[in-house]
Amino acid sequence: ISLIGQRNLESSSDVVIRTIHQILQRGWIVCLEHVYREANDVADPLSNNAKTRELGYHFFNEPPEKS
């Protein structure tokens, strides 16, 4: 997906894709692995939790419960 030359407002997924592309061009050894939401017991609840929190730093003693 090429985002170069687009002048429209970018969606958050556009920004993520562009950032990943920039990281991959740095010459690092990078391994990307897809994990289905249902199998990811920590990241999915954290991302859902982030939808209702204010922007900023948040510290968790334990990961949020699954919804």
N, C-alpha and C. Protein backbone atom coordinates (compact mmCIF):
# COMPACT_ATOMS: atom_id res chain seq x y z
N ILE A 1 0.86 -1.17 0.00
CA ILE A 1 0.00 0.00 0.00
C ILE A 1 0.90 1.23 0.00
N SER A 2 0.68 2.09 -0.93
CA SER A 2 1.48 3.30 -1.01
C SER A 2 0.68 4.48 -0.48
N LEU A 3 1.23 5.16 0.48
CA LEU A 3 0.56 6.33 1.05
C LEU A 3 1.21 7.63 0.58
N ILE A 4 2.25 7.51 -0.23
CA ILE A 4 2.98 8.68 -0.69
C ILE A 4 2.11 9.45 -1.67
N GLY A 5 2.03 10.75 -1.50
CA GLY A 5 1.29 11.60 -2.40
C GLY A 5 -0.16 11.80 -2.01
N GLN A 6 -0.65 11.10 -1.02
CA GLN A 6 -2.02 11.29 -0.59
C GLN A 6 -2.09 12.52 0.31
N ARG A 7 -3.05 13.36 0.06
CA ARG A 7 -3.19 14.58 0.84
C ARG A 7 -4.44 14.56 1.70
N ASN A 8 -5.19 13.47 1.66
CA ASN A 8 -6.39 13.36 2.49
C ASN A 8 -5.99 13.19 3.95
N LEU A 9 -6.95 13.44 4.83
CA LEU A 9 -6.70 13.17 6.24
C LEU A 9 -6.46 11.68 6.40
N GLU A 10 -5.43 11.34 7.16
CA GLU A 10 -5.07 9.94 7.31
C GLU A 10 -5.85 9.29 8.44
N SER A 11 -6.23 8.05 8.23
CA SER A 11 -6.86 7.29 9.31
C SER A 11 -5.75 6.75 10.20
N SER A 12 -6.11 6.28 11.38
CA SER A 12 -5.09 5.74 12.27
C SER A 12 -4.42 4.51 11.66
N SER A 13 -5.17 3.73 10.87
CA SER A 13 -4.56 2.55 10.24
C SER A 13 -3.54 2.98 9.18
N ASP A 14 -3.77 4.09 8.48
CA ASP A 14 -2.79 4.61 7.52
C ASP A 14 -1.49 4.97 8.22
N VAL A 15 -1.60 5.60 9.37
CA VAL A 15 -0.42 6.00 10.13
C VAL A 15 0.35 4.77 10.59
N VAL A 16 -0.37 3.75 11.06
CA VAL A 16 0.29 2.52 11.51
C VAL A 16 1.00 1.84 10.36
N ILE A 17 0.35 1.74 9.21
CA ILE A 17 0.96 1.09 8.04
C ILE A 17 2.20 1.85 7.61
N ARG A 18 2.13 3.17 7.57
CA ARG A 18 3.29 3.97 7.17
C ARG A 18 4.44 3.81 8.16
N THR A 19 4.13 3.78 9.45
CA THR A 19 5.16 3.61 10.47
C THR A 19 5.83 2.24 10.35
N ILE A 20 5.04 1.20 10.13
CA ILE A 20 5.61 -0.14 9.93
C ILE A 20 6.52 -0.14 8.72
N HIS A 21 6.08 0.46 7.64
CA HIS A 21 6.88 0.54 6.42
C HIS A 21 8.21 1.24 6.68
N GLN A 22 8.19 2.33 7.43
CA GLN A 22 9.41 3.06 7.76
C GLN A 22 10.35 2.21 8.62
N ILE A 23 9.82 1.46 9.57
CA ILE A 23 10.63 0.59 10.42
C ILE A 23 11.29 -0.49 9.57
N LEU A 24 10.53 -1.08 8.65
CA LEU A 24 11.07 -2.15 7.82
C LEU A 24 12.19 -1.65 6.90
N GLN A 25 12.20 -0.37 6.57
CA GLN A 25 13.23 0.19 5.69
C GLN A 25 14.52 0.53 6.44
N ARG A 26 14.58 0.37 7.73
CA ARG A 26 15.76 0.75 8.52
C ARG A 26 16.88 -0.27 8.47
N GLY A 27 16.68 -1.39 7.81
CA GLY A 27 17.72 -2.39 7.72
C GLY A 27 17.82 -3.29 8.94
N TRP A 28 16.84 -3.22 9.82
CA TRP A 28 16.82 -4.08 10.98
C TRP A 28 16.31 -5.45 10.57
N ILE A 29 16.59 -6.44 11.38
CA ILE A 29 15.97 -7.75 11.18
C ILE A 29 14.65 -7.71 11.95
N VAL A 30 13.56 -7.79 11.21
CA VAL A 30 12.23 -7.63 11.80
C VAL A 30 11.38 -8.83 11.42
N CYS A 31 10.66 -9.37 12.38
CA CYS A 31 9.75 -10.48 12.13
C CYS A 31 8.35 -10.02 12.53
N LEU A 32 7.42 -10.06 11.58
CA LEU A 32 6.04 -9.70 11.85
C LEU A 32 5.22 -10.98 11.93
N GLU A 33 4.36 -11.06 12.93
CA GLU A 33 3.53 -12.24 13.09
C GLU A 33 2.11 -11.81 13.44
N HIS A 34 1.15 -12.34 12.72
CA HIS A 34 -0.25 -12.02 12.99
C HIS A 34 -0.76 -12.95 14.08
N VAL A 35 -1.42 -12.38 15.06
CA VAL A 35 -2.04 -13.16 16.13
C VAL A 35 -3.51 -12.76 16.14
N TYR A 36 -4.39 -13.74 16.01
CA TYR A 36 -5.82 -13.44 16.02
C TYR A 36 -6.24 -12.86 17.36
N ARG A 37 -7.15 -11.94 17.30
CA ARG A 37 -7.65 -11.25 18.49
C ARG A 37 -8.07 -12.22 19.58
N GLU A 38 -8.76 -13.29 19.20
CA GLU A 38 -9.26 -14.24 20.17
C GLU A 38 -8.13 -14.96 20.91
N ALA A 39 -6.97 -15.06 20.28
CA ALA A 39 -5.84 -15.77 20.89
C ALA A 39 -4.92 -14.86 21.68
N ASN A 40 -5.14 -13.57 21.59
CA ASN A 40 -4.25 -12.62 22.26
C ASN A 40 -4.92 -12.13 23.53
N ASP A 41 -4.66 -12.80 24.63
CA ASP A 41 -5.37 -12.54 25.88
C ASP A 41 -5.00 -11.23 26.57
N VAL A 42 -3.92 -10.59 26.17
CA VAL A 42 -3.51 -9.35 26.84
C VAL A 42 -3.74 -8.13 25.96
N ALA A 43 -3.28 -8.17 24.72
CA ALA A 43 -3.34 -6.97 23.87
C ALA A 43 -4.76 -6.56 23.53
N ASP A 44 -5.63 -7.51 23.27
CA ASP A 44 -7.00 -7.15 22.91
C ASP A 44 -7.73 -6.43 24.05
N PRO A 45 -7.70 -6.95 25.29
CA PRO A 45 -8.33 -6.18 26.37
C PRO A 45 -7.66 -4.82 26.60
N LEU A 46 -6.33 -4.73 26.42
CA LEU A 46 -5.66 -3.44 26.58
C LEU A 46 -6.13 -2.44 25.52
N SER A 47 -6.25 -2.89 24.28
CA SER A 47 -6.68 -1.97 23.23
C SER A 47 -8.13 -1.55 23.43
N ASN A 48 -8.99 -2.47 23.87
CA ASN A 48 -10.37 -2.10 24.16
C ASN A 48 -10.45 -1.13 25.33
N ASN A 49 -9.59 -1.33 26.33
CA ASN A 49 -9.54 -0.45 27.49
C ASN A 49 -9.11 0.96 27.09
N ALA A 50 -8.21 1.04 26.13
CA ALA A 50 -7.68 2.34 25.71
C ALA A 50 -8.75 3.22 25.06
N LYS A 51 -9.79 2.60 24.52
CA LYS A 51 -10.85 3.36 23.85
C LYS A 51 -11.60 4.27 24.82
N THR A 52 -11.61 3.92 26.10
CA THR A 52 -12.40 4.68 27.08
C THR A 52 -11.53 5.52 28.02
N ARG A 53 -10.22 5.49 27.84
CA ARG A 53 -9.32 6.25 28.71
C ARG A 53 -8.87 7.52 28.03
N GLU A 54 -8.50 8.50 28.84
CA GLU A 54 -7.93 9.73 28.30
C GLU A 54 -6.51 9.45 27.82
N LEU A 55 -6.07 10.24 26.85
CA LEU A 55 -4.72 10.12 26.33
C LEU A 55 -3.73 10.41 27.46
N GLY A 56 -2.71 9.60 27.57
CA GLY A 56 -1.71 9.80 28.61
C GLY A 56 -1.11 8.49 29.05
N TYR A 57 -0.30 8.54 30.07
CA TYR A 57 0.39 7.38 30.61
C TYR A 57 -0.49 6.70 31.64
N HIS A 58 -0.68 5.40 31.50
CA HIS A 58 -1.47 4.62 32.45
C HIS A 58 -0.67 3.40 32.87
N PHE A 59 -0.62 3.13 34.14
CA PHE A 59 0.11 1.98 34.68
C PHE A 59 -0.88 0.95 35.19
N PHE A 60 -0.68 -0.30 34.83
CA PHE A 60 -1.54 -1.39 35.28
C PHE A 60 -0.72 -2.36 36.12
N ASN A 61 -1.22 -2.73 37.27
CA ASN A 61 -0.59 -3.79 38.06
C ASN A 61 -0.88 -5.15 37.46
N GLU A 62 -2.04 -5.26 36.80
CA GLU A 62 -2.46 -6.49 36.13
C GLU A 62 -3.16 -6.08 34.83
N PRO A 63 -3.12 -6.94 33.82
CA PRO A 63 -3.82 -6.59 32.58
C PRO A 63 -5.32 -6.49 32.82
N PRO A 64 -6.02 -5.68 32.03
CA PRO A 64 -7.48 -5.56 32.18
C PRO A 64 -8.17 -6.90 31.91
N GLU A 65 -9.33 -7.06 32.52
CA GLU A 65 -10.13 -8.27 32.32
C GLU A 65 -10.69 -8.28 30.90
N LYS A 66 -10.91 -9.48 30.37
CA LYS A 66 -11.57 -9.60 29.06
C LYS A 66 -13.00 -9.11 29.20
N SER A 67 -13.50 -8.44 28.14
CA SER A 67 -14.88 -7.97 28.19
C SER A 67 -15.81 -8.97 27.58
